[in-house]
């Protein structure tokens, strides 16, 4: 759940960042993908840390 939320947040922030920099459609997709992957990875790490700490 945290991974999905992180990915959605990352995609949103990536698209907004590219839009703020006046990027093309390819830039919007690229930033959205990169930010989505990065935030999903952070969400995965957070999920693993929470799981390890609660067991």
Protein backbone atom coordinates (compact mmCIF):
# COMPACT_ATOMS: atom_id res chain seq x y z
CA UNK A 1 0.00 0.00 0.00
CA UNK A 2 2.82 2.38 0.86
CA UNK A 3 4.57 1.46 -2.40
CA UNK A 4 1.48 2.31 -4.47
CA UNK A 5 0.93 5.59 -2.62
CA UNK A 6 4.59 6.49 -3.13
CA UNK A 7 4.39 5.74 -6.82
CA UNK A 8 1.26 7.84 -7.30
CA UNK A 9 2.76 10.72 -5.33
CA UNK A 10 5.97 10.47 -7.36
CA UNK A 11 4.13 10.47 -10.68
CA UNK A 12 2.15 13.52 -9.63
CA UNK A 13 5.23 15.42 -8.44
CA UNK A 14 7.15 14.44 -11.58
CA UNK A 15 4.46 15.69 -13.93
CA UNK A 16 4.06 18.92 -11.96
CA UNK A 17 7.83 19.48 -12.01
CA UNK A 18 8.01 18.96 -15.77
CA UNK A 19 4.98 21.20 -16.31
CA UNK A 20 6.56 23.94 -14.16
CA UNK A 21 9.68 23.74 -16.35
CA UNK A 22 7.47 24.02 -19.47
CA UNK A 23 8.36 20.55 -20.74
CA UNK A 24 6.91 18.72 -23.71
CA UNK A 25 4.68 15.66 -23.46
CA UNK A 26 7.74 13.42 -23.54
CA UNK A 27 9.22 15.38 -20.64
CA UNK A 28 5.98 14.97 -18.64
CA UNK A 29 6.04 11.21 -19.21
CA UNK A 30 9.75 10.94 -18.45
CA UNK A 31 9.64 12.93 -15.22
CA UNK A 32 6.49 11.10 -14.13
CA UNK A 33 8.10 7.71 -14.72
CA UNK A 34 11.37 8.56 -12.99
CA UNK A 35 9.76 10.19 -9.96
CA UNK A 36 7.23 7.34 -9.77
CA UNK A 37 9.96 4.70 -9.72
CA UNK A 38 12.03 6.62 -7.17
CA UNK A 39 9.12 7.18 -4.79
CA UNK A 40 7.93 3.58 -5.17
CA UNK A 41 11.42 2.41 -4.22
CA UNK A 42 11.36 4.68 -1.16
CA UNK A 43 7.94 3.26 -0.28
CA UNK A 44 9.30 -0.28 -0.59
CA UNK A 45 12.19 0.55 1.72
CA UNK A 46 9.78 2.14 4.21
CA UNK A 47 7.54 -0.94 4.06
CA UNK A 48 10.47 -3.26 4.73
CA UNK A 49 11.71 -1.10 7.60
CA UNK A 50 8.27 -1.02 9.21
CA UNK A 51 7.92 -4.78 8.79
CA UNK A 52 11.33 -5.44 10.36
CA UNK A 53 10.67 -3.11 13.30
CA UNK A 54 7.26 -4.58 14.16
CA UNK A 55 8.26 -8.25 14.15
